[in-house]
Amino acid sequence: MALRAGVVDKVIFYVAPKLLCGDDARSVVAGKAIPGLGEVLLLEEVQVREIGGDFRIEGYLKKKERGGRS
């Protein structure tokens, strides 16, 4: 996956204010789940803009420091 490979610098999500619930609901990002909150990918310089009732979320992936910590 490109995010885990570290080849993505910037992400843009479009989110509708609708909830798709249930065990078979699709995730925003596909792939194997992270083992814990210590492994999350953080965004910085985040901008949120409303577009026609939906939301555009844009940010840069925070680079991890040496030793694996961000």
N, C-alpha and C. Protein backbone atom coordinates (compact mmCIF):
# COMPACT_ATOMS: atom_id res chain seq x y z
N MET A 1 0.83 -1.16 0.00
CA MET A 1 0.00 0.00 0.00
C MET A 1 0.89 1.24 0.00
N ALA A 2 0.54 2.21 -0.78
CA ALA A 2 1.36 3.41 -0.97
C ALA A 2 1.56 4.19 0.33
N LEU A 3 0.52 4.28 1.16
CA LEU A 3 0.66 5.01 2.42
C LEU A 3 1.71 4.38 3.33
N ARG A 4 1.65 3.08 3.47
CA ARG A 4 2.61 2.38 4.33
C ARG A 4 4.00 2.36 3.73
N ALA A 5 4.10 2.42 2.40
CA ALA A 5 5.40 2.41 1.73
C ALA A 5 6.11 3.75 1.85
N GLY A 6 5.40 4.78 2.30
CA GLY A 6 6.01 6.08 2.49
C GLY A 6 6.19 6.89 1.23
N VAL A 7 5.45 6.57 0.18
CA VAL A 7 5.60 7.28 -1.09
C VAL A 7 4.51 8.34 -1.30
N VAL A 8 3.67 8.54 -0.30
CA VAL A 8 2.60 9.55 -0.37
C VAL A 8 2.98 10.72 0.53
N ASP A 9 2.92 11.94 -0.02
CA ASP A 9 3.21 13.14 0.76
C ASP A 9 1.94 13.84 1.21
N LYS A 10 0.93 13.85 0.35
CA LYS A 10 -0.27 14.64 0.60
C LYS A 10 -1.50 13.77 0.33
N VAL A 11 -2.52 13.93 1.18
CA VAL A 11 -3.77 13.21 0.97
C VAL A 11 -4.93 14.19 0.92
N ILE A 12 -5.93 13.83 0.14
CA ILE A 12 -7.16 14.61 0.05
C ILE A 12 -8.31 13.62 0.16
N PHE A 13 -9.17 13.83 1.15
CA PHE A 13 -10.35 13.00 1.34
C PHE A 13 -11.58 13.85 1.07
N TYR A 14 -12.56 13.25 0.45
CA TYR A 14 -13.88 13.87 0.32
C TYR A 14 -14.83 13.05 1.17
N VAL A 15 -15.48 13.70 2.12
CA VAL A 15 -16.32 13.00 3.07
C VAL A 15 -17.73 13.57 3.00
N ALA A 16 -18.71 12.69 2.85
CA ALA A 16 -20.12 13.08 2.90
C ALA A 16 -20.60 12.87 4.34
N PRO A 17 -21.43 13.75 4.84
CA PRO A 17 -21.93 13.58 6.21
C PRO A 17 -23.01 12.50 6.27
N LYS A 18 -22.60 11.28 5.93
CA LYS A 18 -23.49 10.12 5.94
C LYS A 18 -22.73 8.97 6.56
N LEU A 19 -23.38 8.17 7.38
CA LEU A 19 -22.73 7.05 8.03
C LEU A 19 -23.20 5.74 7.41
N LEU A 20 -22.27 4.94 6.95
CA LEU A 20 -22.55 3.60 6.45
C LEU A 20 -22.12 2.64 7.54
N CYS A 21 -23.07 2.04 8.22
CA CYS A 21 -22.76 1.21 9.38
C CYS A 21 -22.95 -0.26 9.08
N GLY A 22 -22.34 -1.07 9.89
CA GLY A 22 -22.50 -2.52 9.78
C GLY A 22 -21.17 -3.22 9.64
N ASP A 23 -21.19 -4.51 9.92
CA ASP A 23 -19.96 -5.30 9.85
C ASP A 23 -19.37 -5.34 8.44
N ASP A 24 -20.21 -5.22 7.42
CA ASP A 24 -19.71 -5.29 6.04
C ASP A 24 -19.54 -3.91 5.41
N ALA A 25 -19.58 -2.83 6.21
CA ALA A 25 -19.40 -1.48 5.68
C ALA A 25 -17.95 -1.30 5.20
N ARG A 26 -17.77 -0.51 4.16
CA ARG A 26 -16.44 -0.27 3.62
C ARG A 26 -15.68 0.75 4.45
N SER A 27 -14.38 0.54 4.55
CA SER A 27 -13.51 1.45 5.27
C SER A 27 -13.06 2.58 4.35
N VAL A 28 -12.65 3.70 4.93
CA VAL A 28 -12.15 4.82 4.13
C VAL A 28 -10.85 4.44 3.44
N VAL A 29 -10.00 3.70 4.15
CA VAL A 29 -8.71 3.27 3.60
C VAL A 29 -8.65 1.76 3.67
N ALA A 30 -8.40 1.12 2.54
CA ALA A 30 -8.34 -0.34 2.50
C ALA A 30 -6.98 -0.84 2.98
N GLY A 31 -6.92 -2.10 3.24
CA GLY A 31 -5.66 -2.74 3.64
C GLY A 31 -5.76 -3.34 5.03
N LYS A 32 -4.66 -3.90 5.47
CA LYS A 32 -4.59 -4.54 6.78
C LYS A 32 -4.65 -3.47 7.87
N ALA A 33 -5.38 -3.76 8.92
CA ALA A 33 -5.54 -2.81 10.03
C ALA A 33 -4.20 -2.59 10.74
N ILE A 34 -4.03 -1.41 11.32
CA ILE A 34 -2.84 -1.14 12.10
C ILE A 34 -2.94 -1.87 13.43
N PRO A 35 -1.81 -2.23 14.03
CA PRO A 35 -1.86 -2.99 15.28
C PRO A 35 -2.30 -2.17 16.49
N GLY A 36 -2.16 -0.85 16.44
CA GLY A 36 -2.54 -0.02 17.59
C GLY A 36 -2.40 1.46 17.26
N LEU A 37 -2.83 2.30 18.18
CA LEU A 37 -2.80 3.74 17.95
C LEU A 37 -1.38 4.29 17.79
N GLY A 38 -0.39 3.59 18.28
CA GLY A 38 1.00 4.02 18.13
C GLY A 38 1.48 3.98 16.68
N GLU A 39 0.72 3.35 15.80
CA GLU A 39 1.11 3.19 14.40
C GLU A 39 0.29 4.05 13.44
N VAL A 40 -0.55 4.94 13.97
CA VAL A 40 -1.40 5.75 13.10
C VAL A 40 -0.56 6.69 12.24
N LEU A 41 -1.11 7.05 11.09
CA LEU A 41 -0.48 8.04 10.23
C LEU A 41 -1.09 9.40 10.57
N LEU A 42 -0.25 10.36 10.86
CA LEU A 42 -0.73 11.68 11.27
C LEU A 42 -0.65 12.66 10.11
N LEU A 43 -1.62 13.58 10.08
CA LEU A 43 -1.62 14.65 9.09
C LEU A 43 -1.25 15.96 9.75
N GLU A 44 -0.58 16.83 9.01
CA GLU A 44 -0.29 18.18 9.47
C GLU A 44 -0.65 19.16 8.37
N GLU A 45 -0.74 20.43 8.73
CA GLU A 45 -1.17 21.47 7.79
C GLU A 45 -2.53 21.10 7.17
N VAL A 46 -3.43 20.67 8.03
CA VAL A 46 -4.75 20.19 7.59
C VAL A 46 -5.66 21.38 7.25
N GLN A 47 -6.35 21.24 6.13
CA GLN A 47 -7.34 22.22 5.72
C GLN A 47 -8.66 21.48 5.46
N VAL A 48 -9.75 22.05 5.95
CA VAL A 48 -11.08 21.47 5.74
C VAL A 48 -11.94 22.51 5.05
N ARG A 49 -12.62 22.09 3.99
CA ARG A 49 -13.47 23.01 3.24
C ARG A 49 -14.78 22.30 2.91
N GLU A 50 -15.88 23.01 3.10
CA GLU A 50 -17.18 22.45 2.73
C GLU A 50 -17.43 22.70 1.26
N ILE A 51 -17.86 21.65 0.56
CA ILE A 51 -18.16 21.76 -0.87
C ILE A 51 -19.52 21.11 -1.10
N GLY A 52 -20.52 21.91 -1.33
CA GLY A 52 -21.86 21.39 -1.64
C GLY A 52 -22.42 20.44 -0.62
N GLY A 53 -22.17 20.66 0.65
CA GLY A 53 -22.69 19.78 1.69
C GLY A 53 -21.74 18.66 2.06
N ASP A 54 -20.69 18.42 1.29
CA ASP A 54 -19.66 17.44 1.61
C ASP A 54 -18.44 18.19 2.14
N PHE A 55 -17.43 17.45 2.60
CA PHE A 55 -16.24 18.07 3.15
C PHE A 55 -14.99 17.57 2.44
N ARG A 56 -14.10 18.50 2.15
CA ARG A 56 -12.79 18.18 1.56
C ARG A 56 -11.76 18.36 2.65
N ILE A 57 -11.04 17.30 2.98
CA ILE A 57 -10.01 17.32 4.01
C ILE A 57 -8.68 17.07 3.33
N GLU A 58 -7.77 18.00 3.49
CA GLU A 58 -6.48 17.94 2.80
C GLU A 58 -5.37 18.12 3.83
N GLY A 59 -4.33 17.33 3.73
CA GLY A 59 -3.21 17.47 4.65
C GLY A 59 -1.99 16.71 4.16
N TYR A 60 -0.88 17.02 4.78
CA TYR A 60 0.39 16.37 4.46
C TYR A 60 0.69 15.33 5.53
N LEU A 61 1.17 14.18 5.10
CA LEU A 61 1.54 13.14 6.05
C LEU A 61 2.75 13.60 6.85
N LYS A 62 2.65 13.47 8.16
CA LYS A 62 3.76 13.85 9.02
C LYS A 62 4.85 12.79 8.88
N LYS A 63 6.06 13.26 8.63
CA LYS A 63 7.18 12.33 8.46
C LYS A 63 7.59 11.78 9.82
N LYS A 64 7.88 10.50 9.85
CA LYS A 64 8.33 9.88 11.09
C LYS A 64 9.79 10.22 11.33
N GLU A 65 10.10 10.49 12.60
CA GLU A 65 11.48 10.75 12.98
C GLU A 65 12.24 9.45 13.01
N ARG A 66 13.54 9.52 12.99
CA ARG A 66 14.35 8.29 13.12
C ARG A 66 13.97 7.59 14.41
N GLY A 67 13.95 6.29 14.37
CA GLY A 67 13.53 5.50 15.50
C GLY A 67 12.06 5.15 15.46
N GLY A 68 11.37 5.60 14.38
CA GLY A 68 9.99 5.21 14.17
C GLY A 68 8.95 6.08 14.81
N ARG A 69 9.36 7.12 15.55
CA ARG A 69 8.36 7.99 16.19
C ARG A 69 8.10 9.19 15.32
N SER A 70 6.87 9.69 15.36
CA SER A 70 6.53 10.88 14.57
C SER A 70 6.51 12.11 15.44
